[in-house]
Amino acid sequence: MNTTEQLYLCEACGMIYDPTAGLPEAGIAPGTTWEGIPDNWRCPECGVAKQDFVLRSF
């Protein structure tokens, strides 16, 4: 079986958001979908807006 992992990449700094892992240090629990993150959330590494992330499938 072939599974695809969907990750979200910050185009500014390269930080990757993995919904499976979440970002507990930023208050985002493991299992939180991208849609579940508030629209005003910012990259914890460089501060760019959520809209500046792009979906990448691996």
N, C-alpha and C. Protein backbone atom coordinates (compact mmCIF):
# COMPACT_ATOMS: atom_id res chain seq x y z
N MET A 1 0.83 -1.17 0.00
CA MET A 1 0.00 0.00 0.00
C MET A 1 0.88 1.25 0.00
N ASN A 2 0.52 2.23 -0.78
CA ASN A 2 1.29 3.47 -0.90
C ASN A 2 0.56 4.57 -0.15
N THR A 3 1.17 5.14 0.87
CA THR A 3 0.55 6.24 1.60
C THR A 3 1.32 7.51 1.34
N THR A 4 0.62 8.62 1.36
CA THR A 4 1.22 9.92 1.13
C THR A 4 1.11 10.74 2.40
N GLU A 5 2.23 11.29 2.82
CA GLU A 5 2.25 12.16 4.00
C GLU A 5 2.14 13.60 3.53
N GLN A 6 1.21 14.35 4.14
CA GLN A 6 1.04 15.74 3.78
C GLN A 6 1.63 16.62 4.88
N LEU A 7 2.57 17.45 4.47
CA LEU A 7 3.25 18.37 5.38
C LEU A 7 3.10 19.78 4.83
N TYR A 8 3.25 20.75 5.69
CA TYR A 8 3.10 22.16 5.29
C TYR A 8 4.44 22.86 5.49
N LEU A 9 4.93 23.47 4.43
CA LEU A 9 6.26 24.07 4.39
C LEU A 9 6.18 25.58 4.40
N CYS A 10 6.91 26.21 5.31
CA CYS A 10 7.04 27.67 5.31
C CYS A 10 8.00 28.03 4.20
N GLU A 11 7.52 28.78 3.23
CA GLU A 11 8.38 29.14 2.10
C GLU A 11 9.47 30.13 2.48
N ALA A 12 9.28 30.84 3.58
CA ALA A 12 10.28 31.83 3.98
C ALA A 12 11.49 31.20 4.66
N CYS A 13 11.25 30.23 5.57
CA CYS A 13 12.38 29.72 6.34
C CYS A 13 12.59 28.20 6.24
N GLY A 14 11.63 27.50 5.64
CA GLY A 14 11.79 26.06 5.48
C GLY A 14 11.24 25.23 6.63
N MET A 15 10.66 25.86 7.63
CA MET A 15 10.07 25.12 8.75
C MET A 15 8.93 24.26 8.22
N ILE A 16 8.80 23.04 8.73
CA ILE A 16 7.77 22.12 8.28
C ILE A 16 6.79 21.86 9.42
N TYR A 17 5.49 21.99 9.09
CA TYR A 17 4.45 21.60 10.04
C TYR A 17 3.92 20.23 9.65
N ASP A 18 4.00 19.30 10.59
CA ASP A 18 3.51 17.94 10.41
C ASP A 18 2.28 17.77 11.30
N PRO A 19 1.09 17.64 10.71
CA PRO A 19 -0.13 17.51 11.52
C PRO A 19 -0.09 16.34 12.50
N THR A 20 0.60 15.27 12.16
CA THR A 20 0.69 14.12 13.06
C THR A 20 1.41 14.49 14.35
N ALA A 21 2.48 15.25 14.23
CA ALA A 21 3.29 15.64 15.39
C ALA A 21 2.76 16.90 16.08
N GLY A 22 2.08 17.77 15.32
CA GLY A 22 1.66 19.06 15.87
C GLY A 22 2.87 19.90 16.21
N LEU A 23 2.68 20.91 17.03
CA LEU A 23 3.76 21.75 17.54
C LEU A 23 3.46 22.04 19.01
N PRO A 24 3.62 21.03 19.87
CA PRO A 24 3.27 21.23 21.28
C PRO A 24 3.95 22.45 21.91
N GLU A 25 5.18 22.75 21.51
CA GLU A 25 5.89 23.89 22.07
C GLU A 25 5.26 25.22 21.67
N ALA A 26 4.41 25.19 20.61
CA ALA A 26 3.70 26.39 20.16
C ALA A 26 2.21 26.30 20.50
N GLY A 27 1.83 25.31 21.33
CA GLY A 27 0.44 25.17 21.75
C GLY A 27 -0.46 24.43 20.79
N ILE A 28 0.13 23.74 19.81
CA ILE A 28 -0.66 22.99 18.83
C ILE A 28 -0.47 21.49 19.10
N ALA A 29 -1.56 20.86 19.50
CA ALA A 29 -1.51 19.45 19.90
C ALA A 29 -1.26 18.52 18.71
N PRO A 30 -0.59 17.39 18.96
CA PRO A 30 -0.45 16.37 17.91
C PRO A 30 -1.83 16.00 17.38
N GLY A 31 -1.89 15.80 16.06
CA GLY A 31 -3.15 15.45 15.42
C GLY A 31 -3.96 16.64 14.94
N THR A 32 -3.48 17.86 15.20
CA THR A 32 -4.20 19.05 14.77
C THR A 32 -4.02 19.25 13.26
N THR A 33 -5.14 19.25 12.54
CA THR A 33 -5.08 19.45 11.09
C THR A 33 -4.68 20.89 10.79
N TRP A 34 -4.26 21.12 9.57
CA TRP A 34 -3.89 22.47 9.14
C TRP A 34 -5.09 23.40 9.26
N GLU A 35 -6.26 22.88 8.90
CA GLU A 35 -7.48 23.67 8.99
C GLU A 35 -7.83 24.01 10.43
N GLY A 36 -7.35 23.21 11.38
CA GLY A 36 -7.61 23.43 12.80
C GLY A 36 -6.74 24.49 13.44
N ILE A 37 -5.73 24.94 12.72
CA ILE A 37 -4.84 26.00 13.22
C ILE A 37 -5.49 27.35 12.90
N PRO A 38 -5.56 28.27 13.86
CA PRO A 38 -6.20 29.56 13.60
C PRO A 38 -5.55 30.30 12.42
N ASP A 39 -6.37 31.04 11.68
CA ASP A 39 -5.89 31.78 10.52
C ASP A 39 -4.86 32.84 10.87
N ASN A 40 -4.87 33.32 12.12
CA ASN A 40 -3.92 34.36 12.51
C ASN A 40 -2.62 33.77 13.07
N TRP A 41 -2.46 32.44 13.02
CA TRP A 41 -1.25 31.77 13.49
C TRP A 41 -0.07 32.19 12.62
N ARG A 42 1.10 32.26 13.22
CA ARG A 42 2.32 32.63 12.49
C ARG A 42 3.39 31.58 12.71
N CYS A 43 4.29 31.48 11.75
CA CYS A 43 5.40 30.54 11.84
C CYS A 43 6.20 30.84 13.11
N PRO A 44 6.41 29.83 13.96
CA PRO A 44 7.17 30.08 15.18
C PRO A 44 8.65 30.33 14.94
N GLU A 45 9.14 30.01 13.76
CA GLU A 45 10.56 30.21 13.44
C GLU A 45 10.84 31.60 12.88
N CYS A 46 9.97 32.09 11.97
CA CYS A 46 10.29 33.36 11.31
C CYS A 46 9.16 34.39 11.35
N GLY A 47 7.96 33.99 11.80
CA GLY A 47 6.88 34.94 11.98
C GLY A 47 5.99 35.21 10.78
N VAL A 48 6.19 34.52 9.66
CA VAL A 48 5.31 34.76 8.52
C VAL A 48 3.94 34.16 8.77
N ALA A 49 2.96 34.63 8.02
CA ALA A 49 1.57 34.21 8.20
C ALA A 49 1.33 32.78 7.73
N LYS A 50 0.29 32.17 8.28
CA LYS A 50 -0.12 30.81 7.91
C LYS A 50 -0.30 30.69 6.39
N GLN A 51 -0.79 31.74 5.76
CA GLN A 51 -1.04 31.74 4.32
C GLN A 51 0.24 31.57 3.50
N ASP A 52 1.40 31.79 4.12
CA ASP A 52 2.68 31.67 3.41
C ASP A 52 3.25 30.26 3.45
N PHE A 53 2.50 29.32 4.02
CA PHE A 53 2.89 27.92 4.00
C PHE A 53 2.29 27.25 2.77
N VAL A 54 2.98 26.25 2.25
CA VAL A 54 2.47 25.50 1.09
C VAL A 54 2.41 24.01 1.45
N LEU A 55 1.42 23.35 0.90
CA LEU A 55 1.25 21.93 1.12
C LEU A 55 2.25 21.17 0.28
N ARG A 56 2.92 20.21 0.90
CA ARG A 56 3.84 19.32 0.21
C ARG A 56 3.46 17.88 0.55
N SER A 57 3.38 17.03 -0.43
CA SER A 57 3.08 15.62 -0.21
C SER A 57 4.33 14.80 -0.47
N PHE A 58 4.60 13.88 0.43
CA PHE A 58 5.79 13.03 0.33
C PHE A 58 5.37 11.58 0.34
